[in-house]
Amino acid sequence: MSAAQHAIRTVGIAGLGLMGAASAQRLALAGFGLRGYDVDPGRCAQFAGADQPGRAAVQSLAELAAQCDAIVLAVFDTDQVEQALFGPSGLVHAAQAAGRAPALVCISTCDPDRIAAVARRCAAAGLAFVESPISGTSATLAKGEAVGLVAGRDQDLARAAPVLDALCPRRYGLGAPGNAARAKLAVNLVLGLNRAAMAEGLQFAQRLGLDPQEFLSVLIGSAAYSRVMEVKGPAMAQRRFDPPQSRVDQSLKDFRLILAQADAHAQPLPFAQVYVRLLEDCMQAGEGKFDNAAIIEAIARLRG
């Protein structure tokens, strides 16, 4: 293809939840025309509102494939990625039927082995595929402060570079497809446990009679500092979990993937197992759609 044929002017977004909506903000700032699809009509309406020029919601994945030069997949999990790409009305079949070859960028956190297989299937279909899970919340992504973890063939990375530049100016290349997902799961393991440690410390301080918001300032200034204190600490100290930046159910999905990978590689993760039990407690309490800072509520519910 010529450089003109490779140019990316219109980007589609499949999945208009927290990360999809944040991606739209970044891509709009970069000057791309946007098309969005989601099974939730309310999300589509919000995406293409009157105050959002240059955007249009479409009725199907096939319309994304027919209208877009690149497509960002921002769906919930690996099952949804595979369905969006290879299902009966999926993007790959629709692109081939329309005689188009949009670059595909997957920002969902996925099973590493399955996403590597997805990349191979896309390559066989003649489509560029890059996995680029995001390290950061939807809020940090929208502000351009999130970190991209990218993997793919060199030619696919070059093809998708304008989209990757818009989403995450700071990113790390990790080689072959599957490696970005592995790195994302390891990052999320450390991040989640940092979040749980902060929640436990804040709850402990409150039980000792300290004001949690005042104590958060102490934590941030102490040797225990981590950036998660600034991102999630206020929500925990104020018990404010809606609207979310990243949800409990998403964290639980990721940690179940982490434990499955750990089991496959014979690596026990004792802290991760505790964290999953706390997330499951949040789910049982009806907090699945809350920000994952709600982990502090699971700790508060524990009784000696």
Protein backbone atom coordinates (compact mmCIF):
# COMPACT_ATOMS: atom_id res chain seq x y z
CA MET A 1 0.00 0.00 0.00
CA SER A 2 1.10 3.57 -0.58
CA ALA A 3 1.62 6.10 2.21
CA ALA A 4 -1.68 7.75 1.23
CA GLN A 5 -3.51 4.44 1.55
CA HIS A 6 -1.91 3.95 4.98
CA ALA A 7 -2.99 7.36 6.28
CA ILE A 8 -5.24 7.26 9.33
CA ARG A 9 -7.93 9.93 9.31
CA THR A 10 -10.93 8.23 10.92
CA VAL A 11 -10.64 6.01 14.00
CA GLY A 12 -13.33 3.70 15.28
CA ILE A 13 -13.77 2.71 18.91
CA ALA A 14 -15.39 -0.62 19.75
CA GLY A 15 -16.55 -0.36 23.36
CA LEU A 16 -17.47 3.04 24.80
CA GLY A 17 -17.06 2.37 28.51
CA LEU A 18 -14.53 4.08 30.75
CA MET A 19 -11.43 3.37 28.66
CA GLY A 20 -13.22 3.73 25.32
CA ALA A 21 -14.58 7.15 26.30
CA ALA A 22 -11.15 8.26 27.53
CA SER A 23 -9.60 7.03 24.26
CA ALA A 24 -12.11 9.13 22.36
CA GLN A 25 -10.95 12.24 24.22
CA ARG A 26 -7.32 11.60 23.33
CA LEU A 27 -8.07 10.81 19.68
CA ALA A 28 -10.32 13.85 19.27
CA LEU A 29 -7.56 16.10 20.60
CA ALA A 30 -5.25 14.60 17.97
CA GLY A 31 -7.69 15.65 15.24
CA PHE A 32 -9.06 12.29 14.14
CA GLY A 33 -12.63 11.85 13.01
CA LEU A 34 -14.28 9.34 15.32
CA ARG A 35 -16.84 6.57 14.98
CA GLY A 36 -18.04 4.65 18.01
CA TYR A 37 -19.93 1.44 18.66
CA ASP A 38 -21.25 -0.10 21.86
CA VAL A 39 -24.07 -2.50 22.66
CA ASP A 40 -25.32 0.09 25.19
CA PRO A 41 -27.36 2.76 23.33
CA GLY A 42 -26.83 5.20 26.19
CA ARG A 43 -23.08 5.08 25.75
CA CYS A 44 -23.47 5.64 22.01
CA ALA A 45 -25.67 8.66 22.61
CA GLN A 46 -23.18 10.13 25.09
CA PHE A 47 -20.29 9.51 22.68
CA ALA A 48 -21.99 11.31 19.79
CA GLY A 49 -23.70 14.11 21.68
CA ALA A 50 -24.29 17.54 20.20
CA ASP A 51 -21.29 18.87 22.15
CA GLN A 52 -18.99 16.30 20.50
CA PRO A 53 -18.23 17.49 16.94
CA GLY A 54 -16.46 15.11 14.60
CA ARG A 55 -18.03 12.04 16.20
CA ALA A 56 -20.74 9.67 15.09
CA ALA A 57 -22.14 6.51 16.63
CA VAL A 58 -22.67 3.55 14.31
CA GLN A 59 -25.07 0.65 14.58
CA SER A 60 -22.66 -2.25 14.08
CA LEU A 61 -19.07 -3.38 14.05
CA ALA A 62 -19.41 -3.80 10.29
CA GLU A 63 -19.95 -0.05 9.96
CA LEU A 64 -16.76 0.58 11.91
CA ALA A 65 -14.85 -1.70 9.58
CA ALA A 66 -16.30 0.00 6.50
CA GLN A 67 -15.72 3.58 7.67
CA CYS A 68 -12.51 3.58 9.69
CA ASP A 69 -8.78 3.52 8.92
CA ALA A 70 -7.99 2.23 12.42
CA ILE A 71 -10.08 0.69 15.18
CA VAL A 72 -9.42 0.71 18.92
CA LEU A 73 -10.84 -2.25 20.82
CA ALA A 74 -11.77 -1.18 24.35
CA VAL A 75 -13.97 -4.08 25.43
CA PHE A 76 -14.14 -5.89 28.77
CA ASP A 77 -12.14 -9.08 28.32
CA THR A 78 -10.53 -11.58 25.94
CA ASP A 79 -13.85 -13.24 25.10
CA GLN A 80 -15.24 -9.93 23.90
CA VAL A 81 -12.08 -9.15 21.90
CA GLU A 82 -12.34 -12.48 20.08
CA GLN A 83 -16.05 -12.02 19.46
CA ALA A 84 -15.62 -8.46 18.19
CA LEU A 85 -12.93 -9.56 15.77
CA PHE A 86 -13.93 -13.04 14.65
CA GLY A 87 -17.63 -13.40 15.45
CA PRO A 88 -20.17 -13.79 12.62
CA SER A 89 -20.61 -10.01 12.45
CA GLY A 90 -17.08 -9.23 13.62
CA LEU A 91 -14.56 -6.74 12.35
CA VAL A 92 -12.30 -9.11 10.42
CA HIS A 93 -15.03 -10.58 8.23
CA ALA A 94 -16.62 -7.15 7.74
CA ALA A 95 -13.31 -5.55 6.74
CA GLN A 96 -12.63 -8.29 4.20
CA ALA A 97 -16.13 -7.98 2.78
CA ALA A 98 -15.69 -4.22 2.43
CA GLY A 99 -12.22 -4.57 0.87
CA ARG A 100 -10.63 -2.59 3.71
CA ALA A 101 -7.72 -3.22 6.07
CA PRO A 102 -8.07 -1.03 9.18
CA ALA A 103 -5.26 -1.15 11.72
CA LEU A 104 -6.45 -2.80 14.94
CA VAL A 105 -5.29 -1.59 18.36
CA CYS A 106 -6.45 -3.58 21.39
CA ILE A 107 -6.24 -1.72 24.70
CA SER A 108 -8.15 -4.35 26.71
CA THR A 109 -6.32 -6.39 29.34
CA CYS A 110 -6.33 -9.92 27.94
CA ASP A 111 -5.11 -13.45 28.40
CA PRO A 112 -1.54 -13.38 27.00
CA ASP A 113 -1.67 -16.65 25.08
CA ARG A 114 -5.06 -15.97 23.57
CA ILE A 115 -4.15 -12.43 22.50
CA ALA A 116 -1.01 -13.80 20.80
CA ALA A 117 -3.27 -16.18 18.88
CA VAL A 118 -5.54 -13.26 17.99
CA ALA A 119 -2.55 -11.41 16.54
CA ARG A 120 -1.62 -14.42 14.41
CA ARG A 121 -5.18 -14.72 13.07
CA CYS A 122 -5.27 -11.02 12.19
CA ALA A 123 -1.92 -11.29 10.40
CA ALA A 124 -3.24 -14.24 8.41
CA ALA A 125 -6.23 -12.08 7.42
CA GLY A 126 -3.91 -9.29 6.25
CA LEU A 127 -4.73 -6.90 9.10
CA ALA A 128 -2.27 -5.00 11.27
CA PHE A 129 -2.82 -5.82 14.95
CA VAL A 130 -1.17 -4.18 17.97
CA GLU A 131 -1.87 -5.04 21.58
CA SER A 132 -1.56 -1.98 23.79
CA PRO A 133 -3.08 -2.46 27.24
CA ILE A 134 -3.05 0.75 29.25
CA SER A 135 -1.34 1.21 32.59
CA GLY A 136 -3.45 3.87 34.27
CA THR A 137 -7.04 4.78 34.97
CA SER A 138 -9.51 6.21 32.50
CA ALA A 139 -8.83 9.63 34.02
CA THR A 140 -5.06 9.40 33.53
CA LEU A 141 -5.61 8.12 29.99
CA ALA A 142 -7.87 11.06 29.16
CA LYS A 143 -5.19 13.47 30.43
CA GLY A 144 -2.43 11.81 28.38
CA GLU A 145 -0.65 10.57 31.50
CA ALA A 146 -1.24 6.83 31.12
CA VAL A 147 1.48 4.45 29.94
CA GLY A 148 1.04 2.20 26.92
CA LEU A 149 2.44 -1.33 26.92
CA VAL A 150 2.71 -2.28 23.26
CA ALA A 151 3.55 -5.44 21.36
CA GLY A 152 3.27 -6.42 17.72
CA ARG A 153 5.13 -6.81 14.47
CA ASP A 154 7.30 -3.86 13.48
CA GLN A 155 5.18 -3.08 10.43
CA ASP A 156 2.00 -3.18 12.52
CA LEU A 157 3.47 -0.84 15.14
CA ALA A 158 4.45 1.58 12.38
CA ARG A 159 0.98 1.42 10.84
CA ALA A 160 -0.74 2.10 14.17
CA ALA A 161 1.79 4.70 15.38
CA PRO A 162 -0.50 7.76 14.93
CA VAL A 163 -3.16 6.15 17.13
CA LEU A 164 -0.61 4.99 19.71
CA ASP A 165 0.94 8.48 19.81
CA ALA A 166 -2.45 10.01 20.52
CA LEU A 167 -3.40 7.52 23.23
CA CYS A 168 -0.14 7.24 25.16
CA PRO A 169 2.79 9.53 24.34
CA ARG A 170 4.77 7.45 26.85
CA ARG A 171 4.89 3.76 26.10
CA TYR A 172 7.10 0.67 26.26
CA GLY A 173 7.67 -1.76 23.42
CA LEU A 174 7.63 -5.35 24.62
CA GLY A 175 8.26 -7.39 21.50
CA ALA A 176 5.96 -10.17 20.35
CA PRO A 177 2.19 -10.15 20.90
CA GLY A 178 1.31 -11.57 24.29
CA ASN A 179 4.20 -9.86 26.05
CA ALA A 180 2.26 -6.63 26.57
CA ALA A 181 -0.50 -8.57 28.30
CA ARG A 182 2.06 -10.36 30.47
CA ALA A 183 3.61 -7.05 31.48
CA LYS A 184 0.19 -5.51 32.15
CA LEU A 185 -0.80 -8.37 34.46
CA ALA A 186 2.47 -8.08 36.41
CA VAL A 187 2.02 -4.30 36.69
CA ASN A 188 -1.57 -4.74 37.83
CA LEU A 189 -0.46 -7.24 40.46
CA VAL A 190 1.85 -4.68 42.07
CA LEU A 191 -0.64 -1.85 41.60
CA GLY A 192 -3.55 -3.76 43.11
CA LEU A 193 -1.54 -4.83 46.12
CA ASN A 194 -0.35 -1.23 46.62
CA ARG A 195 -4.00 -0.17 46.54
CA ALA A 196 -4.94 -2.83 49.10
CA ALA A 197 -2.06 -1.90 51.40
CA MET A 198 -3.12 1.75 51.35
CA ALA A 199 -6.73 0.81 52.04
CA GLU A 200 -5.68 -1.33 54.98
CA GLY A 201 -3.49 1.44 56.36
CA LEU A 202 -6.24 4.06 56.04
CA GLN A 203 -8.79 1.78 57.69
CA PHE A 204 -6.34 0.94 60.47
CA ALA A 205 -5.60 4.63 61.08
CA GLN A 206 -9.33 5.40 61.24
CA ARG A 207 -9.93 2.62 63.79
CA LEU A 208 -7.12 4.12 65.86
CA GLY A 209 -9.01 7.40 65.89
CA LEU A 210 -7.13 9.33 63.22
CA ASP A 211 -8.92 11.38 60.58
CA PRO A 212 -8.44 9.44 57.31
CA GLN A 213 -8.11 12.53 55.10
CA GLU A 214 -5.51 14.07 57.39
CA PHE A 215 -3.68 10.75 57.65
CA LEU A 216 -3.63 10.44 53.85
CA SER A 217 -1.54 13.63 53.75
CA VAL A 218 0.85 12.01 56.21
CA LEU A 219 1.07 8.86 54.05
CA ILE A 220 1.81 10.88 50.93
CA GLY A 221 4.64 12.68 52.71
CA SER A 222 6.04 9.55 54.32
CA ALA A 223 8.49 6.82 53.31
CA ALA A 224 5.45 4.67 52.41
CA TYR A 225 4.56 6.92 49.45
CA SER A 226 3.34 5.48 46.17
CA ARG A 227 1.54 7.29 43.37
CA VAL A 228 -1.60 5.25 44.00
CA MET A 229 -2.07 7.33 47.15
CA GLU A 230 -2.71 10.42 45.05
CA VAL A 231 -4.85 8.60 42.47
CA LYS A 232 -7.02 6.49 44.79
CA GLY A 233 -6.37 7.85 48.27
CA PRO A 234 -8.94 10.68 48.24
CA ALA A 235 -11.69 8.29 47.12
CA MET A 236 -10.84 5.92 49.95
CA ALA A 237 -10.52 8.61 52.61
CA GLN A 238 -13.84 10.18 51.58
CA ARG A 239 -15.57 6.84 50.84
CA ARG A 240 -16.44 8.20 47.37
CA PHE A 241 -16.49 5.49 44.70
CA ASP A 242 -18.84 6.80 42.03
CA PRO A 243 -18.25 7.78 39.29
CA PRO A 244 -15.44 5.23 38.88
CA GLN A 245 -12.09 5.63 37.15
CA SER A 246 -11.54 1.86 37.11
CA ARG A 247 -14.08 -0.60 38.45
CA VAL A 248 -14.10 -3.42 40.98
CA ASP A 249 -15.35 -5.95 38.43
CA GLN A 250 -12.55 -5.02 36.03
CA SER A 251 -9.94 -5.47 38.76
CA LEU A 252 -11.39 -8.84 39.68
CA LYS A 253 -11.28 -9.94 36.04
CA ASP A 254 -7.63 -8.92 35.83
CA PHE A 255 -6.65 -10.63 39.09
CA ARG A 256 -8.34 -13.85 38.06
CA LEU A 257 -6.21 -13.72 34.90
CA ILE A 258 -3.15 -13.08 37.09
CA LEU A 259 -3.87 -16.12 39.27
CA ALA A 260 -4.53 -18.30 36.23
CA GLN A 261 -1.18 -17.31 34.72
CA ALA A 262 0.56 -17.83 38.06
CA ASP A 263 -0.96 -21.30 38.35
CA ALA A 264 0.11 -22.18 34.79
CA HIS A 265 3.68 -21.19 35.66
CA ALA A 266 3.73 -22.79 39.13
CA GLN A 267 4.20 -19.47 40.93
CA PRO A 268 2.14 -19.06 44.12
CA LEU A 269 0.86 -15.52 44.72
CA PRO A 270 -0.40 -15.50 48.32
CA PHE A 271 -1.13 -11.76 48.52
CA ALA A 272 -3.02 -11.86 45.22
CA GLN A 273 -5.26 -14.61 46.57
CA VAL A 274 -6.21 -12.43 49.54
CA TYR A 275 -6.84 -9.50 47.22
CA VAL A 276 -9.20 -11.58 45.07
CA ARG A 277 -11.20 -12.58 48.15
CA LEU A 278 -11.57 -8.90 49.07
CA LEU A 279 -12.73 -8.03 45.55
CA GLU A 280 -15.22 -10.90 45.65
CA ASP A 281 -16.57 -9.48 48.92
CA CYS A 282 -17.11 -6.14 47.13
CA MET A 283 -18.95 -7.94 44.34
CA GLN A 284 -21.20 -9.71 46.84
CA ALA A 285 -21.93 -6.33 48.47
CA GLY A 286 -23.14 -4.94 45.13
CA GLU A 287 -20.05 -2.76 44.60
CA GLY A 288 -18.89 -4.26 41.30
CA LYS A 289 -19.47 -1.07 39.30
CA PHE A 290 -17.84 1.13 41.92
CA ASP A 291 -14.30 2.44 41.63
CA ASN A 292 -11.84 -0.19 42.80
CA ALA A 293 -10.91 2.13 45.67
CA ALA A 294 -13.95 0.45 47.28
CA ILE A 295 -11.57 -2.32 48.35
CA ILE A 296 -11.39 -0.36 51.62
CA GLU A 297 -15.03 -1.26 52.29
CA ALA A 298 -14.21 -4.97 52.13
CA ILE A 299 -11.46 -4.42 54.69
CA ALA A 300 -13.80 -2.38 56.90
CA ARG A 301 -16.33 -5.23 56.84
CA LEU A 302 -13.82 -7.73 58.24
CA ARG A 303 -14.25 -8.60 61.90
CA GLY A 304 -11.64 -10.18 64.19
